Amino acid sequence: MVFVNDREKFIESVKKEVERRVRADERDSVLDFVDLLLCRFPLEDLQGREITDIFGVLYAVWNSLQSFDKQAPKVAIYNPTMELHGWRSRHTVIQVVSKDVAFLVGSIMGELNSRNITIHSIHNTVVHTVRDEQHRLIKVTDHNHQDAEQAAEALVYMEITQSSGAYLDELADVLNAVIREVDVVVSDFQAMGQRGDAALAELQALQPEPGEREQVEESIDFMKWLFVNHFTALGYLQLVLDDGRATLDPACHLGLARLGYQLDLEICNDLLSKQQGQGDPIQFGRFRFQSRVHRRAYPDLILVWRFDDSGVLLGAHCFMGLFTSAVHTGSVYNIPLVRHKLNNIMTRAGYEQNSHNGREIVRIHETFPRGELFCSDEDTLLAITKDIFRMRERRQVRLFVMIDNVFGFVSCLVYVPRNWYHTALRKKLQGILSDALGSTDVNMTTYISESVLARVHFMF
């Protein structure tokens, strides 16, 4: 049994096992691979294991790399045994070989976490390979020794709570599908950015009426802001009008839209009616499915209306994606369109931003769930802002509900005294709301600060 406290000594003991068990013609390659893999491997995950089992982990990863066609990911999920694999583990092993793409590891972990699967060990690294025409490995190095002919490939090794039977095959199929979605999104990312540039250019070409100019200018600023590290595009659809009815042009689909993730046409026509009633160049919403790419969340919808030179409505650019962490951590008063809405709320509430009450309104907005600031209308936000303000940091239990009649979401903000809050209470609140709304499909986030109140945001 190995107790890891010195990385260099540990690697030497593993190499001795390699020299003992690997045939001579591949021994040097495996020894180099041990250095490459173990230089950053979390050694605490190997603590207390038999050296034969540690060798088994490394040699299994090495074998998974021997043949790989980058056209499709390679996912293996199994329970290692001495009889079949020459090593054992009390956990189920997941091995992935894929071309190196963004969001790969986070998307895999998101899928596992969504299934309440406990991850006991995880390691990922990027290697650079040369392969022959049959996709067999010729050469592998780390990023410090790559050359032009080498391809970047991602290796992911995980151990999860042990499962068996058909569930392992099902999980492998699901992870293959998730990685396929990641690959499609990354492949189309540049094209989606170009559609964003096109939407911006169309907004800049508009000739708004004097009363609409401020909103159009804010929309232009928003599109300039959006694709500068503030939005991860996952898909793109183009809405077009056909005899006054909204439809989607499949030839324009990008990202997840190419894989069947789309807007319901009834929702498209509701959006069309809403636009004709208010005339805002940009509308916000959420898709009704949860993204499996990057992080588990309902993707945001950013809809940019398109007009011809005469101002006649042609359709809309529909961007599907997730706002980045910079949006969730930065000031909401730096977000175009949102800042315009919040400044109007401050004025309508009757406070100066630098006054005591005005600063409290700012604090409410800065800690408000970002998605609701985009999707909720000004009147709804004003009413909730006033009600939260009137709580005045008193130990109260309050519920605020925001209903999205177009996309069908119901958002609930529940405030409770911070010293009351615990997981059991959160589950009880969730159960009460689920029963009242007739829905068990819920996303939940908790916000706890120096305030005497804790807040839970449920989205059904």
Protein backbone atom coordinates (compact mmCIF):
# COMPACT_ATOMS: atom_id res chain seq x y z
CA MET A 1 0.00 0.00 0.00
CA VAL A 2 1.36 3.41 -1.06
CA PHE A 3 1.29 6.51 1.15
CA VAL A 4 2.02 9.56 -0.94
CA ASN A 5 4.08 12.35 0.66
CA ASP A 6 6.87 12.92 -1.87
CA ARG A 7 5.93 13.25 -5.55
CA GLU A 8 9.39 12.41 -6.92
CA LYS A 9 9.74 9.26 -4.78
CA PHE A 10 6.22 8.23 -5.67
CA ILE A 11 6.86 8.60 -9.41
CA GLU A 12 10.05 6.54 -9.05
CA SER A 13 8.10 3.72 -7.37
CA VAL A 14 5.56 3.78 -10.19
CA LYS A 15 8.34 3.65 -12.79
CA LYS A 16 9.80 0.59 -11.11
CA GLU A 17 6.42 -1.08 -11.51
CA VAL A 18 6.39 -0.06 -15.19
CA GLU A 19 9.85 -1.54 -15.72
CA ARG A 20 8.69 -4.74 -14.10
CA ARG A 21 5.41 -5.17 -15.98
CA VAL A 22 5.64 -3.46 -19.38
CA ARG A 23 7.23 -5.20 -22.33
CA ALA A 24 10.52 -3.79 -23.54
CA ASP A 25 9.34 -2.36 -26.89
CA GLU A 26 6.94 0.13 -25.24
CA ARG A 27 8.61 0.58 -21.86
CA ASP A 28 10.36 3.88 -22.64
CA SER A 29 7.16 5.41 -24.04
CA VAL A 30 5.18 4.40 -20.97
CA LEU A 31 7.88 5.77 -18.65
CA ASP A 32 7.71 9.14 -20.44
CA PHE A 33 3.93 9.05 -20.19
CA VAL A 34 4.14 8.44 -16.43
CA ASP A 35 6.11 11.68 -16.07
CA LEU A 36 3.62 13.54 -18.25
CA LEU A 37 0.54 12.27 -16.43
CA LEU A 38 1.75 12.33 -12.82
CA CYS A 39 3.39 15.76 -12.89
CA ARG A 40 -0.02 17.32 -12.07
CA PHE A 41 -2.07 14.32 -10.96
CA PRO A 42 -3.80 14.92 -7.58
CA LEU A 43 -1.77 12.39 -5.59
CA GLU A 44 -4.17 12.45 -2.66
CA ASP A 45 -6.60 10.59 -4.93
CA LEU A 46 -4.09 7.71 -5.05
CA GLN A 47 -3.34 7.67 -1.34
CA GLY A 48 -3.49 4.24 0.28
CA ARG A 49 -3.76 2.23 -2.95
CA GLU A 50 -1.71 -0.78 -3.94
CA ILE A 51 1.09 0.04 -6.37
CA THR A 52 -0.36 -2.55 -8.78
CA ASP A 53 -3.65 -0.64 -8.86
CA ILE A 54 -1.89 2.70 -9.39
CA PHE A 55 -0.01 1.15 -12.28
CA GLY A 56 -3.35 -0.12 -13.57
CA VAL A 57 -4.81 3.40 -13.61
CA LEU A 58 -1.87 4.79 -15.58
CA TYR A 59 -1.64 1.89 -17.99
CA ALA A 60 -5.39 2.02 -18.65
CA VAL A 61 -5.12 5.69 -19.60
CA TRP A 62 -2.09 4.88 -21.76
CA ASN A 63 -4.00 2.13 -23.57
CA SER A 64 -6.99 4.41 -24.19
CA LEU A 65 -4.67 6.75 -26.06
CA GLN A 66 -3.27 4.12 -28.42
CA SER A 67 -6.02 4.42 -31.03
CA PHE A 68 -8.23 7.48 -31.41
CA ASP A 69 -10.11 9.07 -34.31
CA LYS A 70 -10.77 12.72 -33.53
CA GLN A 71 -14.05 12.59 -35.48
CA ALA A 72 -15.75 11.14 -32.39
CA PRO A 73 -14.92 11.09 -28.66
CA LYS A 74 -13.82 7.86 -27.04
CA VAL A 75 -15.66 7.12 -23.79
CA ALA A 76 -15.09 4.00 -21.68
CA ILE A 77 -16.93 3.29 -18.42
CA TYR A 78 -16.17 0.10 -16.53
CA ASN A 79 -15.52 -1.54 -13.18
CA PRO A 80 -11.89 -2.74 -13.19
CA THR A 81 -11.20 -6.23 -11.83
CA MET A 82 -8.03 -8.27 -11.45
CA GLU A 83 -9.44 -10.98 -13.73
CA LEU A 84 -10.31 -8.67 -16.66
CA HIS A 85 -8.01 -5.68 -16.26
CA GLY A 86 -5.17 -6.71 -13.98
CA TRP A 87 -6.07 -4.12 -11.34
CA ARG A 88 -9.03 -3.25 -9.17
CA SER A 89 -10.89 -0.24 -7.84
CA ARG A 90 -13.85 0.11 -5.53
CA HIS A 91 -15.18 2.77 -7.88
CA THR A 92 -16.47 2.85 -11.46
CA VAL A 93 -13.92 4.33 -13.87
CA ILE A 94 -14.70 6.84 -16.63
CA GLN A 95 -12.04 7.41 -19.30
CA VAL A 96 -12.46 9.97 -22.05
CA VAL A 97 -10.23 10.77 -25.01
CA SER A 98 -11.38 13.73 -27.08
CA LYS A 99 -9.94 16.47 -29.21
CA ASP A 100 -9.14 19.37 -26.94
CA VAL A 101 -12.15 21.71 -26.82
CA ALA A 102 -13.40 24.31 -24.37
CA PHE A 103 -16.02 23.34 -21.77
CA LEU A 104 -15.22 19.61 -22.03
CA VAL A 105 -14.50 18.77 -18.39
CA GLY A 106 -17.11 21.14 -16.95
CA SER A 107 -19.80 19.70 -19.21
CA ILE A 108 -18.97 16.11 -18.23
CA MET A 109 -18.99 17.02 -14.54
CA GLY A 110 -22.27 18.90 -14.98
CA GLU A 111 -23.91 15.80 -16.41
CA LEU A 112 -22.65 13.60 -13.60
CA ASN A 113 -23.69 16.09 -10.92
CA SER A 114 -27.15 16.44 -12.46
CA ARG A 115 -27.56 12.69 -11.91
CA ASN A 116 -26.37 12.98 -8.30
CA ILE A 117 -23.34 10.83 -9.10
CA THR A 118 -20.52 11.29 -6.60
CA ILE A 119 -17.14 11.97 -8.22
CA HIS A 120 -14.38 10.50 -6.06
CA SER A 121 -11.41 11.29 -8.29
CA ILE A 122 -10.83 13.44 -11.34
CA HIS A 123 -7.82 14.28 -13.47
CA ASN A 124 -7.62 15.87 -16.88
CA THR A 125 -4.72 16.89 -19.02
CA VAL A 126 -3.97 17.85 -22.61
CA VAL A 127 -1.41 15.91 -24.62
CA HIS A 128 -0.10 16.49 -28.13
CA THR A 129 0.00 13.52 -30.43
CA VAL A 130 1.11 12.33 -33.83
CA ARG A 131 -0.94 9.50 -35.35
CA ASP A 132 -0.75 7.40 -38.50
CA GLU A 133 -3.50 7.09 -41.10
CA GLN A 134 -5.18 4.37 -39.03
CA HIS A 135 -5.27 6.78 -36.05
CA ARG A 136 -2.70 4.77 -34.11
CA LEU A 137 -0.42 6.63 -31.72
CA ILE A 138 3.11 7.35 -32.95
CA LYS A 139 4.22 10.06 -30.56
CA VAL A 140 2.89 11.90 -27.50
CA THR A 141 4.27 14.94 -25.65
CA ASP A 142 3.02 17.65 -23.32
CA HIS A 143 2.29 21.24 -24.33
CA ASN A 144 5.90 22.30 -23.74
CA HIS A 145 7.21 20.05 -26.51
CA GLN A 146 4.56 20.27 -29.21
CA ASP A 147 5.27 20.93 -32.87
CA ALA A 148 3.13 21.87 -35.86
CA GLU A 149 2.23 18.31 -36.86
CA GLN A 150 0.83 17.39 -33.46
CA ALA A 151 -2.85 17.46 -32.50
CA ALA A 152 -4.08 18.54 -29.06
CA GLU A 153 -6.08 15.80 -27.34
CA ALA A 154 -7.78 15.88 -23.96
CA LEU A 155 -7.53 13.00 -21.50
CA VAL A 156 -10.08 12.79 -18.69
CA TYR A 157 -9.96 10.18 -15.94
CA MET A 158 -12.67 9.98 -13.29
CA GLU A 159 -13.78 7.59 -10.61
CA ILE A 160 -17.41 7.66 -9.52
CA THR A 161 -19.56 5.71 -7.09
CA GLN A 162 -19.71 2.17 -8.38
CA SER A 163 -22.56 1.24 -10.70
CA SER A 164 -23.10 -1.72 -12.97
CA GLY A 165 -25.13 -3.25 -15.76
CA ALA A 166 -27.00 -1.36 -18.45
CA TYR A 167 -26.61 1.91 -16.56
CA LEU A 168 -22.94 2.06 -17.56
CA ASP A 169 -23.84 1.75 -21.25
CA GLU A 170 -26.53 4.39 -20.88
CA LEU A 171 -24.12 6.76 -19.13
CA ALA A 172 -21.49 6.24 -21.86
CA ASP A 173 -24.09 7.10 -24.52
CA VAL A 174 -25.11 10.23 -22.63
CA LEU A 175 -21.52 11.43 -22.18
CA ASN A 176 -20.85 10.84 -25.89
CA ALA A 177 -23.89 13.00 -26.68
CA VAL A 178 -22.76 15.73 -24.27
CA ILE A 179 -19.28 15.84 -25.82
CA ARG A 180 -20.87 15.97 -29.27
CA GLU A 181 -22.85 19.03 -28.19
CA VAL A 182 -19.71 20.65 -26.81
CA ASP A 183 -17.90 20.02 -30.09
CA VAL A 184 -20.70 21.51 -32.20
CA VAL A 185 -20.90 24.63 -30.02
CA VAL A 186 -17.13 25.20 -30.11
CA SER A 187 -16.99 24.56 -33.87
CA ASP A 188 -19.67 27.20 -34.53
CA PHE A 189 -18.49 29.73 -31.97
CA GLN A 190 -16.77 31.99 -34.51
CA ALA A 191 -19.76 31.89 -36.84
CA MET A 192 -22.09 32.84 -33.99
CA GLY A 193 -19.85 35.79 -33.20
CA GLN A 194 -20.14 36.87 -36.84
CA ARG A 195 -23.93 36.78 -36.53
CA GLY A 196 -23.54 39.04 -33.51
CA ASP A 197 -21.52 41.46 -35.64
CA ALA A 198 -24.25 41.38 -38.28
CA ALA A 199 -26.93 42.12 -35.68
CA LEU A 200 -24.88 45.06 -34.40
CA ALA A 201 -24.42 46.45 -37.92
CA GLU A 202 -28.17 46.26 -38.55
CA LEU A 203 -28.90 48.14 -35.33
CA GLN A 204 -26.38 50.82 -36.27
CA ALA A 205 -28.13 51.25 -39.63
CA LEU A 206 -31.52 51.97 -38.05
CA GLN A 207 -33.02 55.45 -38.35
CA PRO A 208 -35.12 55.65 -35.15
CA GLU A 209 -37.72 58.25 -34.33
CA PRO A 210 -36.55 60.83 -31.75
CA GLY A 211 -38.46 59.11 -28.96
CA GLU A 212 -36.85 55.75 -29.78
CA ARG A 213 -33.26 56.95 -30.23
CA GLU A 214 -32.14 56.39 -26.63
CA GLN A 215 -33.38 52.79 -26.60
CA VAL A 216 -31.69 52.05 -29.94
CA GLU A 217 -28.41 53.56 -28.73
CA GLU A 218 -28.58 51.43 -25.57
CA SER A 219 -29.22 48.37 -27.75
CA ILE A 220 -26.17 49.18 -29.87
CA ASP A 221 -24.06 49.55 -26.72
CA PHE A 222 -25.43 46.24 -25.47
CA MET A 223 -24.41 44.33 -28.60
CA LYS A 224 -20.94 45.89 -28.45
CA TRP A 225 -20.69 44.81 -24.81
CA LEU A 226 -22.20 41.34 -25.24
CA PHE A 227 -19.51 39.49 -27.15
CA VAL A 228 -16.60 40.98 -25.23
CA ASN A 229 -16.30 38.21 -22.63
CA HIS A 230 -19.85 38.69 -21.38
CA PHE A 231 -21.71 35.94 -23.23
CA THR A 232 -20.95 32.34 -24.15
CA ALA A 233 -22.93 31.61 -27.31
CA LEU A 234 -24.34 28.08 -27.44
CA GLY A 235 -26.59 28.40 -30.47
CA TYR A 236 -28.13 30.70 -33.04
CA LEU A 237 -31.48 30.69 -34.82
CA GLN A 238 -32.97 33.13 -37.31
CA LEU A 239 -36.62 34.03 -37.03
CA VAL A 240 -38.29 35.12 -40.27
CA LEU A 241 -41.79 36.34 -41.08
CA ASP A 242 -43.99 34.42 -43.49
CA ASP A 243 -47.35 36.11 -44.16
CA GLY A 244 -47.14 37.83 -40.83
CA ARG A 245 -46.37 34.64 -38.91
CA ALA A 246 -43.05 33.79 -37.31
CA THR A 247 -41.07 30.77 -38.47
CA LEU A 248 -37.46 29.61 -38.21
CA ASP A 249 -34.98 29.25 -41.06
CA PRO A 250 -33.16 25.92 -40.50
CA ALA A 251 -30.43 26.87 -42.98
CA CYS A 252 -29.23 29.50 -40.49
CA HIS A 253 -29.04 27.25 -37.41
CA LEU A 254 -25.74 27.19 -35.55
CA GLY A 255 -24.48 25.46 -32.41
CA LEU A 256 -27.10 23.60 -30.39
CA ALA A 257 -29.79 24.70 -32.84
CA ARG A 258 -28.20 22.32 -35.36
CA LEU A 259 -28.87 19.48 -32.93
CA GLY A 260 -32.56 20.20 -32.52
CA TYR A 261 -32.57 22.68 -29.62
CA GLN A 262 -35.00 25.32 -30.87
CA LEU A 263 -37.69 27.82 -30.01
CA ASP A 264 -41.32 26.77 -30.05
CA LEU A 265 -43.12 28.56 -32.91
CA GLU A 266 -45.95 29.54 -30.58
CA ILE A 267 -43.39 31.33 -28.41
CA CYS A 268 -41.94 32.98 -31.53
CA ASN A 269 -45.33 34.41 -32.41
CA ASP A 270 -45.89 35.58 -28.82
CA LEU A 271 -42.55 37.38 -29.04
CA LEU A 272 -43.62 38.89 -32.34
CA SER A 273 -46.83 40.23 -30.81
CA LYS A 274 -44.89 41.61 -27.83
CA GLN A 275 -42.41 43.38 -30.10
CA GLN A 276 -45.12 44.97 -32.19
CA GLY A 277 -46.65 46.31 -28.99
CA GLN A 278 -43.54 47.97 -27.52
CA GLY A 279 -40.97 48.34 -30.29
CA ASP A 280 -37.81 47.56 -28.28
CA PRO A 281 -35.00 46.41 -30.63
CA ILE A 282 -33.86 43.69 -28.18
CA GLN A 283 -35.87 41.28 -26.05
CA PHE A 284 -34.73 38.74 -23.48
CA GLY A 285 -36.00 35.36 -22.42
CA ARG A 286 -34.94 31.82 -21.53
CA PHE A 287 -35.08 28.53 -23.36
CA ARG A 288 -37.16 25.78 -21.78
CA PHE A 289 -34.38 23.16 -21.77
CA GLN A 290 -31.29 23.00 -19.58
CA SER A 291 -27.94 23.37 -21.30
CA ARG A 292 -25.55 20.44 -21.01
CA VAL A 293 -22.68 22.53 -22.37
CA HIS A 294 -20.42 24.56 -20.04
CA ARG A 295 -22.80 24.58 -17.05
CA ARG A 296 -26.25 23.31 -16.15
CA ALA A 297 -28.66 26.20 -16.60
CA TYR A 298 -31.55 27.37 -18.73
CA PRO A 299 -29.86 29.16 -21.67
CA ASP A 300 -30.60 32.84 -22.04
CA LEU A 301 -32.30 34.08 -25.19
CA ILE A 302 -31.25 37.39 -26.70
CA LEU A 303 -33.52 38.34 -29.56
CA VAL A 304 -32.45 41.20 -31.85
CA TRP A 305 -35.18 42.33 -34.21
CA ARG A 306 -34.36 42.92 -37.88
CA PHE A 307 -35.88 45.67 -40.05
CA ASP A 308 -35.53 46.68 -43.68
CA ASP A 309 -34.52 50.19 -44.79
CA SER A 310 -38.13 51.33 -44.50
CA GLY A 311 -38.46 50.11 -40.94
CA VAL A 312 -40.58 47.09 -41.85
CA LEU A 313 -40.05 44.12 -39.54
CA LEU A 314 -38.24 41.21 -41.25
CA GLY A 315 -37.54 38.82 -38.37
CA ALA A 316 -34.94 38.45 -35.67
CA HIS A 317 -31.52 37.14 -34.73
CA CYS A 318 -31.96 34.70 -31.83
CA PHE A 319 -28.86 34.05 -29.71
CA MET A 320 -28.85 31.15 -27.26
CA GLY A 321 -26.19 31.13 -24.55
CA LEU A 322 -25.06 31.83 -21.01
CA PHE A 323 -23.91 35.09 -19.49
CA THR A 324 -20.36 34.78 -18.19
CA SER A 325 -19.19 35.11 -14.60
CA ALA A 326 -18.14 38.71 -15.31
CA VAL A 327 -21.84 39.58 -15.74
CA HIS A 328 -22.79 37.89 -12.47
CA THR A 329 -20.00 39.51 -10.44
CA GLY A 330 -19.68 42.95 -12.04
CA SER A 331 -21.89 45.96 -11.40
CA VAL A 332 -25.33 45.78 -12.98
CA TYR A 333 -25.05 49.50 -13.65
CA ASN A 334 -22.36 48.74 -16.25
CA ILE A 335 -24.68 46.53 -18.33
CA PRO A 336 -26.32 48.39 -21.23
CA LEU A 337 -30.13 48.15 -21.32
CA VAL A 338 -30.18 46.84 -17.73
CA ARG A 339 -28.62 50.07 -16.42
CA HIS A 340 -31.22 52.05 -18.40
CA LYS A 341 -34.03 50.04 -16.78
CA LEU A 342 -32.55 50.39 -13.29
CA ASN A 343 -31.93 54.12 -13.63
CA ASN A 344 -35.57 54.54 -14.60
CA ILE A 345 -36.58 52.53 -11.53
CA MET A 346 -34.45 54.75 -9.30
CA THR A 347 -36.12 57.85 -10.76
CA ARG A 348 -39.60 56.39 -10.43
CA ALA A 349 -38.89 55.33 -6.84
CA GLY A 350 -38.10 58.96 -6.09
CA TYR A 351 -34.56 58.61 -4.72
CA GLU A 352 -31.19 60.10 -5.59
CA GLN A 353 -28.63 57.36 -6.23
CA ASN A 354 -26.12 58.88 -3.77
CA SER A 355 -28.64 59.32 -0.94
CA HIS A 356 -28.96 56.77 1.88
CA ASN A 357 -32.14 55.30 0.42
CA GLY A 358 -30.73 55.45 -3.08
CA ARG A 359 -27.67 53.45 -2.04
CA GLU A 360 -29.98 50.84 -0.50
CA ILE A 361 -31.84 50.57 -3.83
CA VAL A 362 -28.48 50.12 -5.56
CA ARG A 363 -27.55 47.35 -3.11
CA ILE A 364 -30.84 45.57 -3.84
CA HIS A 365 -30.16 45.73 -7.58
CA GLU A 366 -26.51 44.68 -7.31
CA THR A 367 -27.48 41.51 -5.43
CA PHE A 368 -30.60 40.77 -7.46
CA PRO A 369 -30.54 37.60 -9.64
CA ARG A 370 -29.05 38.77 -12.92
CA GLY A 371 -31.39 36.76 -15.12
CA GLU A 372 -34.41 38.48 -13.61
CA LEU A 373 -32.92 41.92 -14.30
CA PHE A 374 -32.73 41.04 -17.99
CA CYS A 375 -36.07 39.24 -18.33
CA SER A 376 -38.42 41.12 -16.00
CA ASP A 377 -40.13 44.28 -17.14
CA GLU A 378 -39.56 47.63 -15.48
CA ASP A 379 -42.91 47.75 -13.67
CA THR A 380 -42.38 44.31 -12.09
CA LEU A 381 -38.85 45.17 -10.95
CA LEU A 382 -40.00 48.51 -9.54
CA ALA A 383 -42.71 46.87 -7.45
CA ILE A 384 -40.38 44.17 -6.09
CA THR A 385 -37.59 46.70 -5.45
CA LYS A 386 -39.97 48.79 -3.34
CA ASP A 387 -41.19 45.76 -1.39
CA ILE A 388 -37.64 44.54 -0.65
CA PHE A 389 -36.64 48.07 0.35
CA ARG A 390 -39.54 48.23 2.81
CA MET A 391 -38.21 45.11 4.61
CA ARG A 392 -35.45 47.38 5.96
CA GLU A 393 -33.16 44.53 7.05
CA ARG A 394 -35.77 43.20 9.46
CA ARG A 395 -36.00 39.50 10.28
CA GLN A 396 -39.00 38.63 8.14
CA VAL A 397 -40.13 35.84 5.87
CA ARG A 398 -41.19 37.16 2.48
CA LEU A 399 -41.98 35.68 -0.93
CA PHE A 400 -41.80 37.56 -4.24
CA VAL A 401 -43.01 35.94 -7.46
CA MET A 402 -42.17 36.88 -11.05
CA ILE A 403 -44.13 35.18 -13.84
CA ASP A 404 -42.87 34.95 -17.42
CA ASN A 405 -46.06 34.53 -19.44
CA VAL A 406 -44.19 34.00 -22.72
CA PHE A 407 -41.66 31.33 -21.76
CA GLY A 408 -43.61 29.82 -18.89
CA PHE A 409 -41.08 30.34 -16.08
CA VAL A 410 -42.02 31.27 -12.54
CA SER A 411 -39.26 32.79 -10.38
CA CYS A 412 -39.67 32.90 -6.62
CA LEU A 413 -37.48 34.92 -4.27
CA VAL A 414 -37.81 33.76 -0.67
CA TYR A 415 -36.25 35.80 2.14
CA VAL A 416 -35.77 34.25 5.60
CA PRO A 417 -33.74 35.29 8.66
CA ARG A 418 -30.17 34.16 8.02
CA ASN A 419 -29.87 32.32 11.33
CA TRP A 420 -32.92 30.23 10.38
CA TYR A 421 -31.52 29.07 7.07
CA HIS A 422 -30.36 25.49 6.58
CA THR A 423 -30.75 22.79 3.96
CA ALA A 424 -33.80 21.21 5.54
CA LEU A 425 -35.60 24.58 5.48
CA ARG A 426 -34.65 25.13 1.85
CA LYS A 427 -36.03 21.70 0.92
CA LYS A 428 -39.25 22.44 2.81
CA LEU A 429 -39.66 25.77 1.00
CA GLN A 430 -38.97 24.08 -2.32
CA GLY A 431 -41.59 21.44 -1.58
CA ILE A 432 -44.22 24.02 -0.67
CA LEU A 433 -43.61 26.02 -3.85
CA SER A 434 -43.45 22.89 -6.03
CA ASP A 435 -46.83 21.74 -4.71
CA ALA A 436 -48.38 25.17 -5.19
CA LEU A 437 -47.07 25.54 -8.76
CA GLY A 438 -47.49 21.91 -9.78
CA SER A 439 -43.87 21.60 -10.91
CA THR A 440 -40.89 19.59 -9.71
CA ASP A 441 -38.50 20.95 -12.34
CA VAL A 442 -36.60 23.64 -10.44
CA ASN A 443 -33.28 25.47 -10.39
CA MET A 444 -32.18 26.91 -7.05
CA THR A 445 -29.51 29.34 -5.88
CA THR A 446 -28.89 30.71 -2.39
CA TYR A 447 -27.49 34.13 -1.54
CA ILE A 448 -26.06 34.71 1.95
CA SER A 449 -24.12 37.85 2.90
CA GLU A 450 -23.63 40.05 5.96
CA SER A 451 -27.34 40.87 5.76
CA VAL A 452 -29.60 39.51 8.52
CA LEU A 453 -31.60 37.88 5.73
CA ALA A 454 -30.77 34.92 3.50
CA ARG A 455 -32.37 34.66 0.05
CA VAL A 456 -33.24 31.62 -1.99
CA HIS A 457 -34.06 31.98 -5.67
CA PHE A 458 -36.24 29.19 -7.06
CA MET A 459 -36.97 29.06 -10.78
CA PHE A 460 -39.70 26.69 -11.92
